[in-house]
Amino acid sequence: MLYHKKRIGIALSTALLSSLFVTSSHAETGHYVNGAEGLKAATVPTEGFYYRSYNIFYNANRLTNKDGDELPVNFDVSVYAMANRFIWMTKHKFLGADVGMDIVVPLVRTHIKIGAAGIDEDEFNVGDINIEPLILSWHKKRYDAVVAASFYAPTGNYSAKDPASPGKGFWTGMLTFGGTYYLNPSKTWSASILSRYEFHGKQDETDMTAGDDFHFEWGIGKSIGTWEMGAVGYQQWQVTEDSGKGATDIKDRVSAAGLEVNKFIPSIKTVVSLRALKEFGAKDRSEGSTVTLTLTKIF
């Protein structure tokens, strides 16, 4: 029995990270993982070197068609991704902004099952690396802002026959822009928006090119001493059609909402963040839930 390749690929795409930093087995899906960031997502740290470990646990047992209806295919996917992000914010300025760069190296373990298609695969390996050579961030009295440009390199192993492949087999460019606004002078209340736009290269093995994707992450938070908590969420839309062999005019989308709590530990200069999100409104992709534990070490 045959199923649209996009549905399998997008199931994995939803699951992973790497700011991001997902992989799938087909070209119709992008790299960036929805919900990789949360509260104050658009606030970039000041001058210094930082290490951030994203530990993402994703599970879904619902696969939807283009109308958002569940497909009866005995579907289940579970993913653990540890994305290692190394951030360097320099002392240099450009247009009044701090200048920085970063690199993300993801390790991905994926188990995917589609009983009706006879698929039951499990794999662990290095995924596609994300390199962000330019970050510009501004810090003002009542807001922070960021713009950045990055790309994903096809460094992870990829096979069109393996839906659990850690790599995607194509390049992706990504543009980032967003802002955090502080609702009071003491900056204890914040509202943030972080947007990312992906455009993809051709996947040679399948002769497919994924359509462009737009990601929109938001957060509203309250700080109390070294603690911060609040509501978070995201929306993702495929904004252009796939192209190449077997492409259709179907465009996927999904939304999610959840909660986040953060704790800064001054003695070890580390921020611990725990976030849980539940997806809804999915079309032509998986629909599940994500739990993310993020550790940020300041050097």
Protein backbone atom coordinates (compact mmCIF):
# COMPACT_ATOMS: atom_id res chain seq x y z
CA MET A 1 0.00 0.00 0.00
CA LEU A 2 1.46 3.38 -0.98
CA TYR A 3 1.41 6.63 1.03
CA HIS A 4 2.45 10.13 0.04
CA LYS A 5 6.16 10.46 0.84
CA LYS A 6 5.59 13.89 2.29
CA ARG A 7 3.59 12.53 5.22
CA ILE A 8 6.43 10.26 6.29
CA GLY A 9 9.07 12.97 5.92
CA ILE A 10 7.09 15.61 7.78
CA ALA A 11 6.49 13.25 10.66
CA LEU A 12 10.22 13.29 11.28
CA SER A 13 10.61 16.96 10.50
CA THR A 14 8.26 17.92 13.32
CA ALA A 15 10.21 15.79 15.68
CA LEU A 16 13.71 17.08 15.64
CA LEU A 17 15.97 19.83 16.40
CA SER A 18 18.73 21.51 15.73
CA SER A 19 18.00 25.45 15.93
CA LEU A 20 17.73 23.85 14.53
CA PHE A 21 17.86 20.70 13.49
CA VAL A 22 15.69 18.05 12.19
CA THR A 23 15.95 15.34 9.73
CA SER A 24 13.59 13.34 7.61
CA SER A 25 13.76 10.89 4.79
CA HIS A 26 12.28 13.05 2.03
CA ALA A 27 12.93 16.37 0.39
CA GLU A 28 9.52 17.85 1.00
CA THR A 29 10.30 18.86 4.59
CA GLY A 30 12.54 21.56 6.00
CA HIS A 31 15.31 21.38 8.57
CA TYR A 32 14.27 23.77 11.33
CA VAL A 33 12.45 22.26 14.29
CA ASN A 34 9.40 24.15 15.46
CA GLY A 35 9.55 25.24 19.08
CA ALA A 36 13.31 24.97 19.44
CA GLU A 37 13.24 28.30 21.29
CA GLY A 38 10.73 29.60 23.85
CA LEU A 39 10.51 32.58 26.20
CA LYS A 40 12.56 35.59 25.03
CA ALA A 41 13.41 33.58 21.90
CA ALA A 42 14.52 36.75 20.08
CA THR A 43 16.87 37.88 22.87
CA VAL A 44 20.49 37.02 22.03
CA PRO A 45 23.14 37.05 24.78
CA THR A 46 25.71 39.83 24.95
CA GLU A 47 29.47 39.57 24.29
CA GLY A 48 30.94 36.23 25.28
CA PHE A 49 31.05 32.50 24.52
CA TYR A 50 28.10 30.20 25.29
CA TYR A 51 27.33 26.50 25.00
CA ARG A 52 23.70 25.41 24.69
CA SER A 53 22.46 21.83 24.76
CA TYR A 54 18.93 21.27 23.41
CA ASN A 55 17.51 17.91 24.53
CA ILE A 56 14.28 17.35 22.63
CA PHE A 57 11.86 14.47 23.11
CA TYR A 58 9.11 14.23 20.49
CA ASN A 59 6.35 11.66 20.11
CA ALA A 60 3.40 11.43 17.74
CA ASN A 61 0.95 8.68 16.87
CA ARG A 62 -1.31 10.77 14.65
CA LEU A 63 -0.59 11.33 10.95
CA THR A 64 -2.91 13.70 9.07
CA ASN A 65 -3.93 14.23 5.45
CA LYS A 66 -4.31 17.53 3.58
CA ASP A 67 -7.66 18.16 5.31
CA GLY A 68 -6.30 17.51 8.81
CA ASP A 69 -8.01 14.13 9.17
CA GLU A 70 -6.11 11.26 10.77
CA LEU A 71 -4.82 8.54 8.46
CA PRO A 72 -5.53 4.95 9.62
CA VAL A 73 -1.97 3.71 9.07
CA ASN A 74 -0.87 2.56 12.55
CA PHE A 75 1.63 5.41 12.81
CA ASP A 76 4.07 6.14 15.62
CA VAL A 77 7.27 8.17 15.74
CA SER A 78 9.52 8.97 18.69
CA VAL A 79 12.66 11.08 18.47
CA TYR A 80 15.36 12.15 20.87
CA ALA A 81 17.66 14.87 19.57
CA MET A 82 20.57 16.48 21.40
CA ALA A 83 21.63 19.59 19.49
CA ASN A 84 24.96 21.03 20.62
CA ARG A 85 25.09 24.76 19.90
CA PHE A 86 28.26 26.84 20.25
CA ILE A 87 27.62 30.61 20.28
CA TRP A 88 30.24 33.37 20.04
CA MET A 89 29.09 36.96 20.43
CA THR A 90 32.01 39.23 19.56
CA LYS A 91 32.90 42.72 20.80
CA HIS A 92 32.33 44.12 17.30
CA LYS A 93 29.40 46.36 16.33
CA PHE A 94 27.54 46.86 13.06
CA LEU A 95 24.64 49.30 12.67
CA GLY A 96 24.61 49.52 16.46
CA ALA A 97 24.16 45.76 16.82
CA ASP A 98 26.31 43.14 18.50
CA VAL A 99 27.87 40.80 15.93
CA GLY A 100 28.03 37.07 16.52
CA MET A 101 27.97 33.59 15.01
CA ASP A 102 27.20 30.02 16.00
CA ILE A 103 27.22 26.39 14.90
CA VAL A 104 24.83 23.55 15.82
CA VAL A 105 25.80 19.87 15.72
CA PRO A 106 22.82 17.52 16.32
CA LEU A 107 22.85 13.92 17.48
CA VAL A 108 19.58 12.20 16.56
CA ARG A 109 17.89 8.97 17.53
CA THR A 110 14.70 8.23 15.56
CA HIS A 111 12.23 5.36 15.77
CA ILE A 112 9.43 5.46 13.21
CA LYS A 113 6.66 2.95 12.60
CA ILE A 114 3.97 2.94 9.91
CA GLY A 115 2.32 -0.44 10.22
CA ALA A 116 0.19 -0.17 7.08
CA ALA A 117 3.30 0.46 4.99
CA GLY A 118 5.46 -2.17 6.73
CA ILE A 119 7.87 0.48 8.07
CA ASP A 120 9.61 -0.03 11.43
CA GLU A 121 12.99 1.72 11.53
CA ASP A 122 15.33 2.84 14.32
CA GLU A 123 18.57 4.80 13.85
CA PHE A 124 21.01 6.96 15.83
CA ASN A 125 23.67 9.18 14.26
CA VAL A 126 24.87 12.73 13.59
CA GLY A 127 22.34 14.91 11.75
CA ASP A 128 22.78 17.86 9.39
CA ILE A 129 24.92 20.65 10.85
CA ASN A 130 23.62 24.23 11.00
CA ILE A 131 26.12 27.08 10.56
CA GLU A 132 25.08 30.66 11.33
CA PRO A 133 27.95 32.96 10.24
CA LEU A 134 26.07 36.19 10.96
CA ILE A 135 23.97 37.27 13.94
CA LEU A 136 23.06 40.92 14.57
CA SER A 137 21.40 41.69 17.90
CA TRP A 138 20.23 44.93 19.47
CA HIS A 139 19.57 45.59 23.17
CA LYS A 140 17.51 48.65 24.11
CA LYS A 141 15.72 49.78 27.28
CA ARG A 142 12.38 48.19 26.42
CA TYR A 143 13.20 45.73 23.64
CA ASP A 144 15.72 43.34 22.11
CA ALA A 145 15.89 42.50 18.39
CA VAL A 146 17.74 40.06 16.16
CA VAL A 147 18.36 39.28 12.49
CA ALA A 148 20.53 36.39 11.32
CA ALA A 149 21.40 34.22 8.34
CA SER A 150 22.38 30.54 8.42
CA PHE A 151 22.49 27.35 6.38
CA TYR A 152 22.17 23.60 6.93
CA ALA A 153 24.79 21.36 5.32
CA PRO A 154 23.88 17.76 4.36
CA THR A 155 26.41 16.20 6.74
CA GLY A 156 24.13 13.47 8.14
CA ASN A 157 23.77 10.07 6.50
CA TYR A 158 20.80 9.94 4.13
CA SER A 159 19.01 7.21 2.20
CA ALA A 160 15.65 7.51 0.44
CA LYS A 161 14.96 3.92 1.53
CA ASP A 162 15.44 4.71 5.24
CA PRO A 163 12.73 6.95 6.80
CA ALA A 164 14.80 7.15 10.00
CA SER A 165 17.81 8.67 8.22
CA PRO A 166 19.58 11.26 10.42
CA GLY A 167 20.31 13.47 7.40
CA LYS A 168 18.08 15.00 4.73
CA GLY A 169 20.32 14.93 1.69
CA PHE A 170 20.02 18.60 0.69
CA TRP A 171 21.10 22.12 1.65
CA THR A 172 18.80 24.65 3.34
CA GLY A 173 19.22 28.41 3.77
CA MET A 174 17.47 30.14 6.66
CA LEU A 175 16.78 33.78 7.54
CA THR A 176 15.88 34.78 11.11
CA PHE A 177 14.27 37.94 12.47
CA GLY A 178 12.43 38.76 15.68
CA GLY A 179 12.07 40.86 18.79
CA THR A 180 11.36 40.78 22.52
CA TYR A 181 9.37 43.62 24.08
CA TYR A 182 9.43 44.27 27.83
CA LEU A 183 6.02 45.21 29.13
CA ASN A 184 7.31 47.10 32.16
CA PRO A 185 10.45 49.18 32.94
CA SER A 186 11.84 46.52 35.29
CA LYS A 187 11.70 43.96 32.44
CA THR A 188 9.94 41.33 34.54
CA TRP A 189 7.21 40.89 31.90
CA SER A 190 8.17 40.03 28.32
CA ALA A 191 6.52 39.18 24.99
CA SER A 192 8.61 37.74 22.17
CA ILE A 193 8.25 36.78 18.52
CA LEU A 194 10.87 34.87 16.52
CA SER A 195 10.38 34.17 12.80
CA ARG A 196 12.42 31.95 10.50
CA TYR A 197 12.16 31.50 6.74
CA GLU A 198 13.64 28.40 5.08
CA PHE A 199 14.43 27.87 1.40
CA HIS A 200 15.68 24.47 0.30
CA GLY A 201 17.98 22.96 -2.27
CA LYS A 202 17.22 19.92 -4.41
CA GLN A 203 17.54 16.45 -2.96
CA ASP A 204 19.46 14.69 -5.73
CA GLU A 205 18.55 11.13 -4.76
CA THR A 206 14.80 11.76 -5.15
CA ASP A 207 14.93 14.74 -7.56
CA MET A 208 12.67 16.66 -5.16
CA THR A 209 12.84 20.23 -3.82
CA ALA A 210 10.85 21.12 -0.72
CA GLY A 211 8.68 24.24 -0.72
CA ASP A 212 9.70 27.22 1.42
CA ASP A 213 8.69 27.14 5.09
CA PHE A 214 7.78 29.98 7.47
CA HIS A 215 8.10 29.42 11.24
CA PHE A 216 6.64 31.71 13.87
CA GLU A 217 7.50 31.17 17.57
CA TRP A 218 6.05 33.23 20.43
CA GLY A 219 6.33 33.52 24.20
CA ILE A 220 4.84 35.58 27.05
CA GLY A 221 6.76 35.34 30.30
CA LYS A 222 7.14 36.60 33.86
CA SER A 223 10.44 36.76 35.77
CA ILE A 224 10.60 36.37 39.56
CA GLY A 225 14.15 36.56 40.83
CA THR A 226 16.18 33.80 39.14
CA TRP A 227 13.00 32.07 37.90
CA GLU A 228 11.02 32.72 34.73
CA MET A 229 7.82 31.10 33.54
CA GLY A 230 5.16 31.60 30.91
CA ALA A 231 3.20 30.46 27.87
CA VAL A 232 4.88 29.53 24.57
CA GLY A 233 3.82 28.33 21.16
CA TYR A 234 4.49 28.19 17.43
CA GLN A 235 2.93 28.13 13.99
CA GLN A 236 4.51 26.75 10.82
CA TRP A 237 3.28 27.07 7.25
CA GLN A 238 4.66 25.74 3.99
CA VAL A 239 4.37 28.83 1.80
CA THR A 240 5.42 27.55 -1.64
CA GLU A 241 4.76 24.25 -3.40
CA ASP A 242 7.19 21.35 -3.62
CA SER A 243 8.76 20.78 -7.03
CA GLY A 244 10.37 17.90 -8.87
CA LYS A 245 9.47 14.27 -9.39
CA GLY A 246 6.23 13.29 -7.62
CA ALA A 247 5.53 16.79 -6.23
CA THR A 248 1.98 17.92 -5.46
CA ASP A 249 0.35 21.24 -4.62
CA ILE A 250 -0.31 20.17 -0.99
CA LYS A 251 1.11 22.51 1.66
CA ASP A 252 1.54 21.35 5.24
CA ARG A 253 1.03 23.33 8.43
CA VAL A 254 0.85 22.91 12.21
CA SER A 255 0.41 24.91 15.44
CA ALA A 256 1.32 24.25 19.07
CA ALA A 257 1.00 25.79 22.52
CA GLY A 258 2.44 25.00 25.93
CA LEU A 259 4.28 26.15 29.05
CA GLU A 260 7.89 26.86 29.99
CA VAL A 261 9.84 27.36 33.21
CA ASN A 262 13.46 28.58 33.45
CA LYS A 263 15.94 28.74 36.33
CA PHE A 264 19.24 30.66 36.36
CA ILE A 265 21.89 29.15 38.65
CA PRO A 266 24.45 31.93 39.29
CA SER A 267 27.03 29.71 41.02
CA ILE A 268 27.65 27.70 37.82
CA LYS A 269 26.58 30.38 35.33
CA THR A 270 23.97 28.08 33.82
CA VAL A 271 20.35 28.48 32.73
CA VAL A 272 18.08 25.41 32.86
CA SER A 273 14.90 25.53 30.75
CA LEU A 274 12.04 23.04 30.61
CA ARG A 275 9.34 23.40 27.94
CA ALA A 276 6.33 21.25 26.96
CA LEU A 277 4.24 21.83 23.82
CA LYS A 278 1.18 20.12 22.34
CA GLU A 279 0.52 20.35 18.60
CA PHE A 280 -2.88 20.96 16.99
CA GLY A 281 -4.33 21.92 13.61
CA ALA A 282 -1.87 19.76 11.67
CA LYS A 283 -2.41 19.19 7.95
CA ASP A 284 -0.43 16.74 5.79
CA ARG A 285 2.01 15.92 8.60
CA SER A 286 2.33 14.36 12.04
CA GLU A 287 0.68 15.83 15.14
CA GLY A 288 2.21 15.14 18.54
CA SER A 289 3.89 16.64 21.59
CA THR A 290 7.37 17.85 22.52
CA VAL A 291 9.28 18.13 25.78
CA THR A 292 12.52 20.10 25.65
CA LEU A 293 15.21 20.42 28.32
CA THR A 294 17.74 23.13 27.44
CA LEU A 295 20.98 23.85 29.30
CA THR A 296 22.87 27.08 28.59
CA LYS A 297 26.38 27.49 30.00
CA ILE A 298 27.97 30.95 30.14
CA PHE A 299 31.76 31.07 29.87
